[in-house]
């Protein structure tokens, strides 16, 4: 992945909901810990070696050590990386919260109006 590359958020740059989520993360990310990469930037996302349909289906967090978290599973990891928001990550340890977060994420992802429905594998 590269020595000093920080955590990267890969998102759909053509989706309004995704852009709003990234805007919120950028406001919270006062120390600029995260890099934001729209999956439409093929050159930038190629180095992560994540299949395009997976990137189209959910936001991804890629950590410098190579771990990858997608969709709702990325939320507590993102919160842990953001000073001032780390305390919110603890909420995801409450029994039932993570399964609920996954269901809510899937519901929103299935209803967002994006141009990724016809994305083909290369």
N, C-alpha and C. Protein backbone atom coordinates (compact mmCIF):
# COMPACT_ATOMS: atom_id res chain seq x y z
N UNK A 1 0.81 -1.20 0.00
CA UNK A 1 0.00 0.00 0.00
C UNK A 1 0.85 1.26 0.00
N UNK A 2 1.97 1.23 0.59
CA UNK A 2 2.79 2.44 0.62
C UNK A 2 3.05 2.86 2.03
N UNK A 3 4.23 3.32 2.31
CA UNK A 3 4.68 3.62 3.66
C UNK A 3 3.88 4.66 4.40
N UNK A 4 3.83 5.90 3.91
CA UNK A 4 3.22 6.96 4.69
C UNK A 4 1.81 7.29 4.25
N UNK A 5 1.21 6.44 3.43
CA UNK A 5 -0.17 6.70 3.00
C UNK A 5 -1.11 6.55 4.19
N UNK A 6 -1.94 7.56 4.39
CA UNK A 6 -2.88 7.51 5.49
C UNK A 6 -4.13 6.72 5.12
N UNK A 7 -5.07 6.64 6.04
CA UNK A 7 -6.32 5.95 5.76
C UNK A 7 -7.06 6.63 4.60
N UNK A 8 -7.68 5.83 3.75
CA UNK A 8 -8.40 6.37 2.60
C UNK A 8 -9.87 5.97 2.66
N UNK A 9 -10.73 6.92 2.33
CA UNK A 9 -12.16 6.68 2.19
C UNK A 9 -12.45 6.66 0.70
N UNK A 10 -12.94 5.53 0.21
CA UNK A 10 -13.30 5.41 -1.20
C UNK A 10 -14.81 5.47 -1.27
N UNK A 11 -15.32 6.39 -2.08
CA UNK A 11 -16.76 6.63 -2.12
C UNK A 11 -17.21 6.89 -3.55
N UNK A 12 -18.52 6.96 -3.73
CA UNK A 12 -19.10 7.24 -5.05
C UNK A 12 -19.20 8.75 -5.22
N UNK A 13 -18.35 9.30 -6.07
CA UNK A 13 -18.31 10.74 -6.28
C UNK A 13 -19.50 11.28 -7.06
N UNK A 14 -20.36 10.40 -7.57
CA UNK A 14 -21.53 10.85 -8.33
C UNK A 14 -22.83 10.66 -7.56
N UNK A 15 -22.72 10.28 -6.31
CA UNK A 15 -23.91 10.02 -5.49
C UNK A 15 -24.06 11.13 -4.45
N UNK A 16 -25.21 11.78 -4.45
CA UNK A 16 -25.47 12.87 -3.51
C UNK A 16 -25.34 12.46 -2.06
N UNK A 17 -25.90 11.30 -1.70
CA UNK A 17 -25.84 10.82 -0.32
C UNK A 17 -24.38 10.58 0.07
N UNK A 18 -23.62 9.98 -0.85
CA UNK A 18 -22.21 9.69 -0.58
C UNK A 18 -21.43 10.99 -0.40
N UNK A 19 -21.70 11.97 -1.26
CA UNK A 19 -21.00 13.25 -1.17
C UNK A 19 -21.34 13.96 0.14
N UNK A 20 -22.60 13.88 0.56
CA UNK A 20 -22.98 14.50 1.84
C UNK A 20 -22.26 13.82 3.00
N UNK A 21 -22.14 12.50 2.92
CA UNK A 21 -21.43 11.77 3.98
C UNK A 21 -19.97 12.18 4.03
N UNK A 22 -19.34 12.32 2.86
CA UNK A 22 -17.94 12.73 2.80
C UNK A 22 -17.79 14.17 3.30
N UNK A 23 -18.74 15.05 2.95
CA UNK A 23 -18.69 16.43 3.44
C UNK A 23 -18.72 16.45 4.97
N UNK A 24 -19.57 15.61 5.57
CA UNK A 24 -19.65 15.52 7.03
C UNK A 24 -18.32 15.02 7.60
N UNK A 25 -17.76 13.97 7.00
CA UNK A 25 -16.46 13.46 7.45
C UNK A 25 -15.38 14.54 7.37
N UNK A 26 -15.38 15.30 6.28
CA UNK A 26 -14.37 16.36 6.12
C UNK A 26 -14.52 17.42 7.21
N UNK A 27 -15.76 17.75 7.58
CA UNK A 27 -15.96 18.73 8.67
C UNK A 27 -15.43 18.17 9.98
N UNK A 28 -15.66 16.89 10.22
CA UNK A 28 -15.19 16.26 11.46
C UNK A 28 -13.69 16.02 11.43
N UNK A 29 -13.11 15.88 10.26
CA UNK A 29 -11.70 15.53 10.08
C UNK A 29 -10.83 16.79 10.09
N UNK A 30 -10.85 17.50 11.21
CA UNK A 30 -10.14 18.78 11.31
C UNK A 30 -8.64 18.64 11.15
N UNK A 31 -8.10 17.47 11.52
CA UNK A 31 -6.66 17.26 11.42
C UNK A 31 -6.27 16.63 10.08
N UNK A 32 -7.24 16.48 9.20
CA UNK A 32 -7.03 15.92 7.85
C UNK A 32 -6.30 14.58 7.91
N UNK A 33 -6.87 13.67 8.71
CA UNK A 33 -6.33 12.33 8.89
C UNK A 33 -6.64 11.46 7.65
N UNK A 34 -7.80 11.69 7.06
CA UNK A 34 -8.28 10.83 5.98
C UNK A 34 -8.00 11.41 4.60
N UNK A 35 -7.85 10.51 3.63
CA UNK A 35 -7.81 10.90 2.21
C UNK A 35 -9.14 10.46 1.62
N UNK A 36 -9.68 11.24 0.73
CA UNK A 36 -10.99 10.97 0.13
C UNK A 36 -10.80 10.71 -1.36
N UNK A 37 -11.21 9.52 -1.80
CA UNK A 37 -10.97 9.10 -3.18
C UNK A 37 -12.29 8.65 -3.80
N UNK A 38 -12.82 9.40 -4.78
CA UNK A 38 -14.01 8.91 -5.47
C UNK A 38 -13.64 7.68 -6.30
N UNK A 39 -14.48 6.64 -6.28
CA UNK A 39 -14.10 5.44 -7.01
C UNK A 39 -14.07 5.66 -8.52
N UNK A 40 -14.63 6.77 -8.99
CA UNK A 40 -14.56 7.10 -10.42
C UNK A 40 -13.13 7.45 -10.85
N UNK A 41 -12.27 7.78 -9.90
CA UNK A 41 -10.87 8.07 -10.19
C UNK A 41 -10.12 6.74 -10.31
N UNK A 42 -10.21 6.14 -11.50
CA UNK A 42 -9.71 4.78 -11.71
C UNK A 42 -8.23 4.63 -11.35
N UNK A 43 -7.42 5.61 -11.70
CA UNK A 43 -5.99 5.53 -11.40
C UNK A 43 -5.75 5.49 -9.90
N UNK A 44 -6.48 6.32 -9.16
CA UNK A 44 -6.29 6.39 -7.70
C UNK A 44 -6.79 5.13 -7.00
N UNK A 45 -7.90 4.55 -7.46
CA UNK A 45 -8.45 3.38 -6.77
C UNK A 45 -7.80 2.08 -7.20
N UNK A 46 -7.11 2.07 -8.33
CA UNK A 46 -6.50 0.83 -8.82
C UNK A 46 -5.52 0.24 -7.81
N UNK A 47 -4.81 1.10 -7.10
CA UNK A 47 -3.81 0.62 -6.14
C UNK A 47 -4.42 -0.11 -4.94
N UNK A 48 -5.71 0.07 -4.71
CA UNK A 48 -6.35 -0.59 -3.57
C UNK A 48 -6.78 -2.02 -3.89
N UNK A 49 -6.86 -2.34 -5.18
CA UNK A 49 -7.22 -3.70 -5.63
C UNK A 49 -8.54 -4.18 -5.05
N UNK A 50 -9.54 -3.32 -5.11
CA UNK A 50 -10.90 -3.69 -4.69
C UNK A 50 -11.75 -3.67 -5.96
N UNK A 51 -12.54 -4.70 -6.15
CA UNK A 51 -13.35 -4.81 -7.37
C UNK A 51 -14.33 -3.65 -7.48
N UNK A 52 -14.49 -3.15 -8.69
CA UNK A 52 -15.37 -2.00 -8.93
C UNK A 52 -16.80 -2.22 -8.45
N UNK A 53 -17.41 -3.39 -8.68
CA UNK A 53 -18.78 -3.58 -8.16
C UNK A 53 -18.86 -3.43 -6.63
N UNK A 54 -17.82 -3.86 -5.93
CA UNK A 54 -17.80 -3.70 -4.46
C UNK A 54 -17.71 -2.23 -4.10
N UNK A 55 -16.87 -1.49 -4.83
CA UNK A 55 -16.74 -0.05 -4.56
C UNK A 55 -18.04 0.68 -4.88
N UNK A 56 -18.73 0.23 -5.91
CA UNK A 56 -19.99 0.85 -6.29
C UNK A 56 -21.09 0.56 -5.27
N UNK A 57 -20.97 -0.55 -4.56
CA UNK A 57 -22.02 -0.97 -3.63
C UNK A 57 -21.93 -0.30 -2.27
N UNK A 58 -20.73 0.12 -1.86
CA UNK A 58 -20.58 0.66 -0.50
C UNK A 58 -19.32 1.52 -0.39
N UNK A 59 -19.38 2.47 0.54
CA UNK A 59 -18.20 3.25 0.88
C UNK A 59 -17.20 2.31 1.55
N UNK A 60 -15.91 2.52 1.29
CA UNK A 60 -14.86 1.69 1.86
C UNK A 60 -13.85 2.55 2.62
N UNK A 61 -13.36 2.01 3.71
CA UNK A 61 -12.24 2.61 4.44
C UNK A 61 -11.08 1.64 4.31
N UNK A 62 -9.96 2.13 3.79
CA UNK A 62 -8.76 1.31 3.64
C UNK A 62 -7.70 1.89 4.58
N UNK A 63 -7.27 1.08 5.53
CA UNK A 63 -6.26 1.52 6.50
C UNK A 63 -4.86 1.28 5.95
N UNK A 64 -3.88 2.01 6.46
CA UNK A 64 -2.50 1.86 5.97
C UNK A 64 -1.96 0.43 6.09
N UNK A 65 -2.47 -0.34 7.06
CA UNK A 65 -1.99 -1.73 7.23
C UNK A 65 -2.67 -2.70 6.26
N UNK A 66 -3.57 -2.17 5.39
CA UNK A 66 -4.22 -3.02 4.40
C UNK A 66 -5.60 -3.50 4.78
N UNK A 67 -6.00 -3.31 6.02
CA UNK A 67 -7.37 -3.72 6.40
C UNK A 67 -8.38 -2.85 5.67
N UNK A 68 -9.50 -3.48 5.29
CA UNK A 68 -10.54 -2.80 4.55
C UNK A 68 -11.87 -3.00 5.28
N UNK A 69 -12.61 -1.91 5.45
CA UNK A 69 -13.93 -1.95 6.07
C UNK A 69 -14.91 -1.32 5.09
N UNK A 70 -16.05 -1.97 4.88
CA UNK A 70 -17.02 -1.48 3.90
C UNK A 70 -18.36 -1.18 4.57
N UNK A 71 -19.06 -0.19 4.02
CA UNK A 71 -20.40 0.14 4.49
C UNK A 71 -20.44 0.51 5.96
N UNK A 72 -21.43 -0.03 6.65
CA UNK A 72 -21.62 0.28 8.07
C UNK A 72 -20.42 -0.16 8.90
N UNK A 73 -19.71 -1.19 8.47
CA UNK A 73 -18.56 -1.66 9.23
C UNK A 73 -17.43 -0.62 9.27
N UNK A 74 -17.45 0.31 8.33
CA UNK A 74 -16.44 1.37 8.31
C UNK A 74 -16.74 2.45 9.35
N UNK A 75 -17.99 2.60 9.74
CA UNK A 75 -18.38 3.70 10.62
C UNK A 75 -17.60 3.76 11.93
N UNK A 76 -17.57 2.68 12.74
CA UNK A 76 -16.83 2.79 14.00
C UNK A 76 -15.33 3.01 13.78
N UNK A 77 -14.80 2.43 12.70
CA UNK A 77 -13.37 2.61 12.41
C UNK A 77 -13.09 4.06 12.04
N UNK A 78 -13.97 4.66 11.24
CA UNK A 78 -13.81 6.07 10.88
C UNK A 78 -13.86 6.95 12.13
N UNK A 79 -14.82 6.68 13.01
CA UNK A 79 -14.96 7.48 14.23
C UNK A 79 -13.72 7.38 15.11
N UNK A 80 -13.11 6.18 15.17
CA UNK A 80 -11.90 6.01 15.97
C UNK A 80 -10.75 6.86 15.44
N UNK A 81 -10.75 7.13 14.14
CA UNK A 81 -9.66 7.90 13.52
C UNK A 81 -9.81 9.41 13.71
N UNK A 82 -11.01 9.84 14.08
CA UNK A 82 -11.29 11.28 14.15
C UNK A 82 -11.27 11.79 15.59
N UNK A 83 -10.29 12.63 15.91
CA UNK A 83 -10.24 13.20 17.26
C UNK A 83 -11.56 13.92 17.57
N UNK A 84 -12.05 13.72 18.77
CA UNK A 84 -13.31 14.34 19.17
C UNK A 84 -14.52 13.48 18.85
N UNK A 85 -14.35 12.45 18.03
CA UNK A 85 -15.47 11.58 17.68
C UNK A 85 -15.24 10.15 18.14
N UNK A 86 -14.07 9.88 18.71
CA UNK A 86 -13.73 8.51 19.12
C UNK A 86 -14.76 7.93 20.09
N UNK A 87 -15.30 8.77 20.95
CA UNK A 87 -16.27 8.29 21.93
C UNK A 87 -17.51 7.70 21.26
N UNK A 88 -17.85 8.18 20.06
CA UNK A 88 -19.02 7.66 19.35
C UNK A 88 -18.81 6.22 18.88
N UNK A 89 -17.55 5.83 18.64
CA UNK A 89 -17.26 4.47 18.17
C UNK A 89 -17.73 3.43 19.18
N UNK A 90 -17.70 3.79 20.46
CA UNK A 90 -18.10 2.87 21.52
C UNK A 90 -19.56 2.44 21.36
N UNK A 91 -20.39 3.33 20.81
CA UNK A 91 -21.81 3.01 20.61
C UNK A 91 -22.00 1.76 19.75
N UNK A 92 -21.07 1.52 18.83
CA UNK A 92 -21.20 0.37 17.94
C UNK A 92 -20.91 -0.95 18.63
N UNK A 93 -20.41 -0.89 19.89
CA UNK A 93 -20.17 -2.11 20.67
C UNK A 93 -21.42 -2.55 21.42
N UNK A 94 -22.42 -1.69 21.49
CA UNK A 94 -23.66 -2.04 22.17
C UNK A 94 -24.34 -3.16 21.38
N UNK A 95 -24.74 -4.24 22.07
CA UNK A 95 -25.37 -5.36 21.36
C UNK A 95 -26.55 -4.89 20.50
N UNK A 96 -26.56 -5.33 19.26
CA UNK A 96 -27.64 -5.00 18.35
C UNK A 96 -27.40 -3.77 17.49
N UNK A 97 -26.47 -2.90 17.87
CA UNK A 97 -26.25 -1.67 17.11
C UNK A 97 -25.62 -1.96 15.74
N UNK A 98 -24.60 -2.80 15.70
CA UNK A 98 -23.93 -3.07 14.42
C UNK A 98 -24.87 -3.75 13.42
N UNK A 99 -25.62 -4.78 13.81
CA UNK A 99 -26.57 -5.37 12.85
C UNK A 99 -27.60 -4.36 12.36
N UNK A 100 -28.06 -3.50 13.25
CA UNK A 100 -29.02 -2.46 12.85
C UNK A 100 -28.37 -1.47 11.89
N UNK A 101 -27.14 -1.06 12.19
CA UNK A 101 -26.41 -0.13 11.32
C UNK A 101 -26.23 -0.74 9.93
N UNK A 102 -25.93 -2.04 9.87
CA UNK A 102 -25.76 -2.71 8.57
C UNK A 102 -27.07 -2.71 7.79
N UNK A 103 -28.17 -2.97 8.48
CA UNK A 103 -29.48 -2.98 7.80
C UNK A 103 -29.83 -1.60 7.27
N UNK A 104 -29.61 -0.58 8.09
CA UNK A 104 -29.91 0.80 7.67
C UNK A 104 -29.04 1.18 6.49
N UNK A 105 -27.75 0.86 6.56
CA UNK A 105 -26.84 1.18 5.45
C UNK A 105 -27.31 0.48 4.17
N UNK A 106 -27.64 -0.79 4.26
CA UNK A 106 -28.09 -1.54 3.08
C UNK A 106 -29.37 -0.94 2.51
N UNK A 107 -30.27 -0.52 3.38
CA UNK A 107 -31.54 0.07 2.93
C UNK A 107 -31.26 1.37 2.15
N UNK A 108 -30.41 2.22 2.70
CA UNK A 108 -30.08 3.48 2.03
C UNK A 108 -29.34 3.20 0.72
N UNK A 109 -28.36 2.30 0.77
CA UNK A 109 -27.56 2.00 -0.42
C UNK A 109 -28.43 1.47 -1.56
N UNK A 110 -29.43 0.69 -1.22
CA UNK A 110 -30.31 0.12 -2.25
C UNK A 110 -31.21 1.18 -2.88
N UNK A 111 -31.41 2.29 -2.20
CA UNK A 111 -32.34 3.32 -2.68
C UNK A 111 -31.67 4.57 -3.23
N UNK A 112 -30.36 4.67 -3.10
CA UNK A 112 -29.70 5.87 -3.61
C UNK A 112 -29.74 5.88 -5.13
N UNK A 113 -29.89 7.05 -5.69
CA UNK A 113 -29.99 7.17 -7.15
C UNK A 113 -28.62 7.55 -7.70
N UNK A 114 -27.89 6.54 -8.12
CA UNK A 114 -26.55 6.76 -8.64
C UNK A 114 -26.42 6.10 -10.00
N UNK A 115 -25.38 6.44 -10.69
CA UNK A 115 -25.17 5.92 -12.03
C UNK A 115 -24.33 4.65 -12.01
N UNK A 116 -24.40 3.88 -10.95
CA UNK A 116 -23.53 2.70 -10.83
C UNK A 116 -24.26 1.41 -11.15
N UNK A 117 -25.54 1.46 -11.36
CA UNK A 117 -26.30 0.23 -11.60
C UNK A 117 -25.76 -0.56 -12.79
N UNK A 118 -25.28 0.15 -13.82
CA UNK A 118 -24.80 -0.53 -15.02
C UNK A 118 -23.30 -0.72 -15.07
N UNK A 119 -22.62 -0.57 -13.95
CA UNK A 119 -21.17 -0.69 -13.95
C UNK A 119 -20.79 -2.12 -14.31
N UNK A 120 -19.87 -2.25 -15.22
CA UNK A 120 -19.40 -3.57 -15.66
C UNK A 120 -18.01 -3.83 -15.11
N UNK A 121 -17.68 -5.11 -14.92
CA UNK A 121 -16.31 -5.46 -14.53
C UNK A 121 -15.39 -5.26 -15.71
N UNK A 122 -14.20 -4.82 -15.42
CA UNK A 122 -13.20 -4.62 -16.48
C UNK A 122 -12.36 -5.85 -16.68
